[in-house]
Amino acid sequence: MRERVRRVPTAGGAGAGPDADELLQRVARGDEAAFERLYDLLIGPVFGLVRRVVRDPAQSEEVVQEVMVELWRTATRYSPGKGSAMTWAMTLAHRRAVDRVRSAQSATDREDRVARGAAARPFDEVAEQVTMRLEHEQVRRCLSTLTDVQRESIMLAYYGGRTYREVGELLGTPLGTVKTRLRDGLIRLRDCLGVTR
């Protein structure tokens, strides 16, 4: 515990070690040991700030990691004349945390819009039943325009679920004749129903 207290930057305290400003300047020159010490100095305050903004612990840890990586990568941009290293790090952390919250909110808003859009278009069961009845009526009307042998062959094959051979055996008709009746009947049905290829 005593060691942590010594790492907190002081205003010119003797023996306290380099402060965050000096460490960040060393990091800008690529000093990895200085980054380790800077990390130890900043991790607590940065995590505390991010945790208060983001609230989710796992998301907070990710944001803190991003902030620390950004500190390493952009250390050369730090200017001691514009403020302390602590202020700069906390500003980066706050911006990243707010970005994460906004991103999460945008994702939630998109999901809500999609869900509302799906719920706004309910399935119209009545319209579907009316359409189906009209189609069935049209098929019955078109079936009545066929010859008796065409209608009987189609009814056995398509509504009765029989094969062409079974239709021929039931009607006592050669297979080729059954196929011709079915083909001619289906062509007439297609024309009557207005189906285009």
C-alpha atoms as a PDB file:
ATOM      1  CA  MET A   1       0.000   0.000   0.000  1.00  0.00           C
ATOM      2  CA  ARG A   2       2.830   2.378   0.835  1.00  0.00           C
ATOM      3  CA  GLU A   3       4.349   1.806  -2.617  1.00  0.00           C
ATOM      4  CA  ARG A   4       1.130   2.902  -4.348  1.00  0.00           C
ATOM      5  CA  VAL A   5       1.090   6.125  -2.336  1.00  0.00           C
ATOM      6  CA  ARG A   6       4.639   6.894  -3.471  1.00  0.00           C
ATOM      7  CA  ARG A   7       3.569   6.545  -7.139  1.00  0.00           C
ATOM      8  CA  VAL A   8       0.935   9.253  -6.919  1.00  0.00           C
ATOM      9  CA  PRO A   9       2.393  12.394  -8.474  1.00  0.00           C
ATOM     10  CA  THR A  10       3.214  15.092  -6.005  1.00  0.00           C
ATOM     11  CA  ALA A  11       4.111  18.701  -6.480  1.00  0.00           C
ATOM     12  CA  GLY A  12       7.879  18.327  -6.498  1.00  0.00           C
ATOM     13  CA  GLY A  13       8.061  15.829  -3.625  1.00  0.00           C
ATOM     14  CA  ALA A  14      11.546  14.455  -3.152  1.00  0.00           C
ATOM     15  CA  GLY A  15      12.015  10.757  -3.851  1.00  0.00           C
ATOM     16  CA  ALA A  16       8.532  10.345  -5.301  1.00  0.00           C
ATOM     17  CA  GLY A  17       9.855   9.295  -8.712  1.00  0.00           C
ATOM     18  CA  PRO A  18       8.890  10.753 -12.053  1.00  0.00           C
ATOM     19  CA  ASP A  19       5.412  12.186 -12.349  1.00  0.00           C
ATOM     20  CA  ALA A  20       2.880  11.314 -15.074  1.00  0.00           C
ATOM     21  CA  ASP A  21       4.007  14.210 -17.275  1.00  0.00           C
ATOM     22  CA  GLU A  22       7.622  13.062 -17.310  1.00  0.00           C
ATOM     23  CA  LEU A  23       6.614   9.422 -17.805  1.00  0.00           C
ATOM     24  CA  LEU A  24       4.384  10.286 -20.755  1.00  0.00           C
ATOM     25  CA  GLN A  25       7.226  12.202 -22.389  1.00  0.00           C
ATOM     26  CA  ARG A  26       9.425   9.104 -21.989  1.00  0.00           C
ATOM     27  CA  VAL A  27       6.649   6.949 -23.448  1.00  0.00           C
ATOM     28  CA  ALA A  28       6.612   9.280 -26.471  1.00  0.00           C
ATOM     29  CA  ARG A  29      10.248   8.266 -27.009  1.00  0.00           C
ATOM     30  CA  GLY A  30       9.271   4.570 -26.897  1.00  0.00           C
ATOM     31  CA  ASP A  31      10.301   3.805 -23.297  1.00  0.00           C
ATOM     32  CA  GLU A  32       8.343   0.661 -22.349  1.00  0.00           C
ATOM     33  CA  ALA A  33       9.431   0.750 -18.703  1.00  0.00           C
ATOM     34  CA  ALA A  34       8.070   4.294 -18.440  1.00  0.00           C
ATOM     35  CA  PHE A  35       4.785   3.063 -19.910  1.00  0.00           C
ATOM     36  CA  GLU A  36       4.561   0.338 -17.255  1.00  0.00           C
ATOM     37  CA  ARG A  37       4.971   2.949 -14.527  1.00  0.00           C
ATOM     38  CA  LEU A  38       2.538   5.324 -16.255  1.00  0.00           C
ATOM     39  CA  TYR A  39       0.036   2.474 -16.549  1.00  0.00           C
ATOM     40  CA  ASP A  40       0.293   1.797 -12.809  1.00  0.00           C
ATOM     41  CA  LEU A  41      -0.213   5.508 -12.121  1.00  0.00           C
ATOM     42  CA  LEU A  42      -3.212   6.005 -14.403  1.00  0.00           C
ATOM     43  CA  ILE A  43      -5.106   2.707 -14.364  1.00  0.00           C
ATOM     44  CA  GLY A  44      -7.066   3.421 -11.168  1.00  0.00           C
ATOM     45  CA  PRO A  45      -8.357   6.897 -12.025  1.00  0.00           C
ATOM     46  CA  VAL A  46      -8.991   5.981 -15.675  1.00  0.00           C
ATOM     47  CA  PHE A  47     -10.913   2.822 -14.767  1.00  0.00           C
ATOM     48  CA  GLY A  48     -12.931   4.711 -12.150  1.00  0.00           C
ATOM     49  CA  LEU A  49     -13.967   7.379 -14.646  1.00  0.00           C
ATOM     50  CA  VAL A  50     -14.800   4.891 -17.385  1.00  0.00           C
ATOM     51  CA  ARG A  51     -16.751   2.663 -14.982  1.00  0.00           C
ATOM     52  CA  ARG A  52     -18.901   5.616 -13.870  1.00  0.00           C
ATOM     53  CA  VAL A  53     -19.753   6.487 -17.496  1.00  0.00           C
ATOM     54  CA  VAL A  54     -20.128   3.011 -19.028  1.00  0.00           C
ATOM     55  CA  ARG A  55     -21.399   1.162 -15.916  1.00  0.00           C
ATOM     56  CA  ASP A  56     -20.885  -2.342 -17.364  1.00  0.00           C
ATOM     57  CA  PRO A  57     -17.687  -3.850 -15.882  1.00  0.00           C
ATOM     58  CA  ALA A  58     -16.689  -5.857 -18.961  1.00  0.00           C
ATOM     59  CA  GLN A  59     -17.312  -2.926 -21.305  1.00  0.00           C
ATOM     60  CA  SER A  60     -15.401  -0.658 -18.931  1.00  0.00           C
ATOM     61  CA  GLU A  61     -12.374  -2.947 -19.021  1.00  0.00           C
ATOM     62  CA  GLU A  62     -12.425  -2.923 -22.831  1.00  0.00           C
ATOM     63  CA  VAL A  63     -12.639   0.859 -22.944  1.00  0.00           C
ATOM     64  CA  VAL A  64      -9.774   1.214 -20.447  1.00  0.00           C
ATOM     65  CA  GLN A  65      -7.644  -1.107 -22.551  1.00  0.00           C
ATOM     66  CA  GLU A  66      -8.414   0.983 -25.641  1.00  0.00           C
ATOM     67  CA  VAL A  67      -7.492   4.154 -23.750  1.00  0.00           C
ATOM     68  CA  MET A  68      -4.169   2.729 -22.586  1.00  0.00           C
ATOM     69  CA  VAL A  69      -3.323   1.543 -26.104  1.00  0.00           C
ATOM     70  CA  GLU A  70      -4.225   4.986 -27.413  1.00  0.00           C
ATOM     71  CA  LEU A  71      -1.951   6.585 -24.797  1.00  0.00           C
ATOM     72  CA  TRP A  72       0.932   4.400 -25.990  1.00  0.00           C
ATOM     73  CA  ARG A  73       0.272   5.137 -29.667  1.00  0.00           C
ATOM     74  CA  THR A  74      -0.384   8.865 -29.368  1.00  0.00           C
ATOM     75  CA  ALA A  75       2.055   9.829 -26.614  1.00  0.00           C
ATOM     76  CA  THR A  76       3.983  11.955 -29.119  1.00  0.00           C
ATOM     77  CA  ARG A  77       0.947  14.264 -29.391  1.00  0.00           C
ATOM     78  CA  TYR A  78       1.021  15.118 -25.702  1.00  0.00           C
ATOM     79  CA  SER A  79       2.004  18.698 -25.001  1.00  0.00           C
ATOM     80  CA  PRO A  80       2.830  19.560 -21.354  1.00  0.00           C
ATOM     81  CA  GLY A  81       2.009  23.216 -22.059  1.00  0.00           C
ATOM     82  CA  LYS A  82      -1.662  22.354 -22.690  1.00  0.00           C
ATOM     83  CA  GLY A  83      -2.261  20.452 -19.460  1.00  0.00           C
ATOM     84  CA  SER A  84      -1.074  17.616 -17.303  1.00  0.00           C
ATOM     85  CA  ALA A  85      -0.691  14.033 -18.476  1.00  0.00           C
ATOM     86  CA  MET A  86      -3.394  13.001 -16.005  1.00  0.00           C
ATOM     87  CA  THR A  87      -5.833  15.509 -17.527  1.00  0.00           C
ATOM     88  CA  TRP A  88      -4.975  14.363 -21.034  1.00  0.00           C
ATOM     89  CA  ALA A  89      -5.436  10.690 -20.121  1.00  0.00           C
ATOM     90  CA  MET A  90      -8.729  11.374 -18.359  1.00  0.00           C
ATOM     91  CA  THR A  91      -9.983  13.366 -21.350  1.00  0.00           C
ATOM     92  CA  LEU A  92      -9.159  10.451 -23.661  1.00  0.00           C
ATOM     93  CA  ALA A  93     -10.859   8.047 -21.260  1.00  0.00           C
ATOM     94  CA  HIS A  94     -13.995  10.168 -20.986  1.00  0.00           C
ATOM     95  CA  ARG A  95     -14.292  10.536 -24.764  1.00  0.00           C
ATOM     96  CA  ARG A  96     -13.869   6.793 -25.308  1.00  0.00           C
ATOM     97  CA  ALA A  97     -16.398   5.972 -22.595  1.00  0.00           C
ATOM     98  CA  VAL A  98     -18.990   8.371 -24.009  1.00  0.00           C
ATOM     99  CA  ASP A  99     -18.403   6.956 -27.507  1.00  0.00           C
ATOM    100  CA  ARG A 100     -19.024   3.439 -26.177  1.00  0.00           C
ATOM    101  CA  VAL A 101     -22.266   4.485 -24.466  1.00  0.00           C
ATOM    102  CA  ARG A 102     -23.490   6.248 -27.607  1.00  0.00           C
ATOM    103  CA  SER A 103     -22.597   3.244 -29.755  1.00  0.00           C
ATOM    104  CA  ALA A 104     -24.470   0.889 -27.443  1.00  0.00           C
ATOM    105  CA  GLN A 105     -27.483   3.216 -27.393  1.00  0.00           C
ATOM    106  CA  SER A 106     -27.489   3.440 -31.187  1.00  0.00           C
ATOM    107  CA  ALA A 107     -27.452  -0.356 -31.466  1.00  0.00           C
ATOM    108  CA  THR A 108     -30.354  -0.617 -29.014  1.00  0.00           C
ATOM    109  CA  ASP A 109     -32.304   2.054 -30.907  1.00  0.00           C
ATOM    110  CA  ARG A 110     -31.759   0.207 -34.217  1.00  0.00           C
ATOM    111  CA  GLU A 111     -32.951  -3.075 -32.725  1.00  0.00           C
ATOM    112  CA  ASP A 112     -36.030  -1.342 -31.279  1.00  0.00           C
ATOM    113  CA  ARG A 113     -36.871   0.231 -34.648  1.00  0.00           C
ATOM    114  CA  VAL A 114     -36.585  -3.130 -36.392  1.00  0.00           C
ATOM    115  CA  ALA A 115     -38.740  -4.820 -33.751  1.00  0.00           C
ATOM    116  CA  ARG A 116     -41.395  -2.102 -33.973  1.00  0.00           C
ATOM    117  CA  GLY A 117     -41.344  -2.327 -37.763  1.00  0.00           C
ATOM    118  CA  ALA A 118     -41.902  -6.080 -37.659  1.00  0.00           C
ATOM    119  CA  ALA A 119     -44.744  -5.687 -35.160  1.00  0.00           C
ATOM    120  CA  ALA A 120     -46.344  -2.913 -37.228  1.00  0.00           C
ATOM    121  CA  ARG A 121     -47.006  -5.316 -40.106  1.00  0.00           C
ATOM    122  CA  PRO A 122     -49.192  -8.029 -38.558  1.00  0.00           C
ATOM    123  CA  PHE A 123     -50.344 -10.967 -40.616  1.00  0.00           C
ATOM    124  CA  ASP A 124     -53.842 -10.294 -41.929  1.00  0.00           C
ATOM    125  CA  GLU A 125     -55.549 -13.646 -41.485  1.00  0.00           C
ATOM    126  CA  VAL A 126     -58.904 -12.491 -42.871  1.00  0.00           C
ATOM    127  CA  ALA A 127     -57.372 -11.148 -46.080  1.00  0.00           C
ATOM    128  CA  GLU A 128     -55.376 -14.361 -46.487  1.00  0.00           C
ATOM    129  CA  GLN A 129     -58.535 -16.502 -46.132  1.00  0.00           C
ATOM    130  CA  VAL A 130     -60.473 -14.367 -48.601  1.00  0.00           C
ATOM    131  CA  THR A 131     -57.638 -14.601 -51.127  1.00  0.00           C
ATOM    132  CA  MET A 132     -57.417 -18.361 -50.705  1.00  0.00           C
ATOM    133  CA  ARG A 133     -61.191 -18.782 -51.168  1.00  0.00           C
ATOM    134  CA  LEU A 134     -61.125 -16.662 -54.311  1.00  0.00           C
ATOM    135  CA  GLU A 135     -58.279 -18.740 -55.740  1.00  0.00           C
ATOM    136  CA  HIS A 136     -60.106 -22.000 -54.896  1.00  0.00           C
ATOM    137  CA  GLU A 137     -63.260 -20.689 -56.585  1.00  0.00           C
ATOM    138  CA  GLN A 138     -61.303 -19.725 -59.678  1.00  0.00           C
ATOM    139  CA  VAL A 139     -59.735 -23.215 -59.873  1.00  0.00           C
ATOM    140  CA  ARG A 140     -63.185 -24.863 -59.508  1.00  0.00           C
ATOM    141  CA  ARG A 141     -64.585 -22.619 -62.230  1.00  0.00           C
ATOM    142  CA  CYS A 142     -61.692 -23.479 -64.564  1.00  0.00           C
ATOM    143  CA  LEU A 143     -62.006 -27.200 -63.805  1.00  0.00           C
ATOM    144  CA  SER A 144     -65.626 -27.014 -64.986  1.00  0.00           C
ATOM    145  CA  THR A 145     -64.418 -25.868 -68.437  1.00  0.00           C
ATOM    146  CA  LEU A 146     -62.484 -29.135 -68.989  1.00  0.00           C
ATOM    147  CA  THR A 147     -63.877 -32.216 -70.681  1.00  0.00           C
ATOM    148  CA  ASP A 148     -65.134 -34.942 -68.356  1.00  0.00           C
ATOM    149  CA  VAL A 149     -62.163 -37.235 -69.097  1.00  0.00           C
ATOM    150  CA  GLN A 150     -59.614 -34.411 -68.572  1.00  0.00           C
ATOM    151  CA  ARG A 151     -61.258 -33.333 -65.303  1.00  0.00           C
ATOM    152  CA  GLU A 152     -61.437 -36.931 -64.026  1.00  0.00           C
ATOM    153  CA  SER A 153     -57.764 -37.582 -64.874  1.00  0.00           C
ATOM    154  CA  ILE A 154     -56.615 -34.350 -63.209  1.00  0.00           C
ATOM    155  CA  MET A 155     -58.746 -34.954 -60.105  1.00  0.00           C
ATOM    156  CA  LEU A 156     -57.326 -38.464 -59.662  1.00  0.00           C
ATOM    157  CA  ALA A 157     -53.703 -37.435 -60.325  1.00  0.00           C
ATOM    158  CA  TYR A 158     -53.486 -34.072 -58.522  1.00  0.00           C
ATOM    159  CA  TYR A 159     -56.237 -34.181 -55.911  1.00  0.00           C
ATOM    160  CA  GLY A 160     -56.215 -37.956 -55.387  1.00  0.00           C
ATOM    161  CA  GLY A 161     -52.416 -38.212 -55.277  1.00  0.00           C
ATOM    162  CA  ARG A 162     -52.266 -41.068 -57.796  1.00  0.00           C
ATOM    163  CA  THR A 163     -49.507 -41.721 -60.325  1.00  0.00           C
ATOM    164  CA  TYR A 164     -50.216 -41.584 -64.047  1.00  0.00           C
ATOM    165  CA  ARG A 165     -50.030 -45.397 -64.188  1.00  0.00           C
ATOM    166  CA  GLU A 166     -52.577 -45.714 -61.326  1.00  0.00           C
ATOM    167  CA  VAL A 167     -54.931 -43.259 -63.086  1.00  0.00           C
ATOM    168  CA  GLY A 168     -54.687 -45.356 -66.242  1.00  0.00           C
ATOM    169  CA  GLU A 169     -55.462 -48.570 -64.331  1.00  0.00           C
ATOM    170  CA  LEU A 170     -58.438 -46.987 -62.527  1.00  0.00           C
ATOM    171  CA  LEU A 171     -59.905 -45.618 -65.754  1.00  0.00           C
ATOM    172  CA  GLY A 172     -58.938 -48.646 -67.852  1.00  0.00           C
ATOM    173  CA  THR A 173     -57.062 -46.322 -70.222  1.00  0.00           C
ATOM    174  CA  PRO A 174     -53.565 -46.700 -71.737  1.00  0.00           C
ATOM    175  CA  LEU A 175     -50.795 -44.682 -70.011  1.00  0.00           C
ATOM    176  CA  GLY A 176     -50.090 -42.568 -73.117  1.00  0.00           C
ATOM    177  CA  THR A 177     -53.734 -41.527 -73.343  1.00  0.00           C
ATOM    178  CA  VAL A 178     -53.784 -40.563 -69.655  1.00  0.00           C
ATOM    179  CA  LYS A 179     -50.657 -38.441 -70.122  1.00  0.00           C
ATOM    180  CA  THR A 180     -52.219 -36.688 -73.129  1.00  0.00           C
ATOM    181  CA  ARG A 181     -55.443 -35.958 -71.244  1.00  0.00           C
ATOM    182  CA  LEU A 182     -53.492 -34.597 -68.285  1.00  0.00           C
ATOM    183  CA  ARG A 183     -51.244 -32.429 -70.460  1.00  0.00           C
ATOM    184  CA  ASP A 184     -54.165 -31.012 -72.472  1.00  0.00           C
ATOM    185  CA  GLY A 185     -56.200 -30.436 -69.309  1.00  0.00           C
ATOM    186  CA  LEU A 186     -53.315 -28.646 -67.554  1.00  0.00           C
ATOM    187  CA  ILE A 187     -52.774 -26.407 -70.597  1.00  0.00           C
ATOM    188  CA  ARG A 188     -56.464 -25.442 -70.556  1.00  0.00           C
ATOM    189  CA  LEU A 189     -56.303 -24.796 -66.791  1.00  0.00           C
ATOM    190  CA  ARG A 190     -53.216 -22.629 -67.226  1.00  0.00           C
ATOM    191  CA  ASP A 191     -54.921 -20.558 -69.922  1.00  0.00           C
ATOM    192  CA  CYS A 192     -58.120 -20.241 -67.888  1.00  0.00           C
ATOM    193  CA  LEU A 193     -56.232 -19.150 -64.728  1.00  0.00           C
ATOM    194  CA  GLY A 194     -54.154 -16.637 -66.701  1.00  0.00           C
ATOM    195  CA  VAL A 195     -50.840 -18.168 -65.614  1.00  0.00           C
ATOM    196  CA  THR A 196     -47.907 -16.978 -67.710  1.00  0.00           C
ATOM    197  CA  ARG A 197     -44.583 -18.711 -67.994  1.00  0.00           C
END
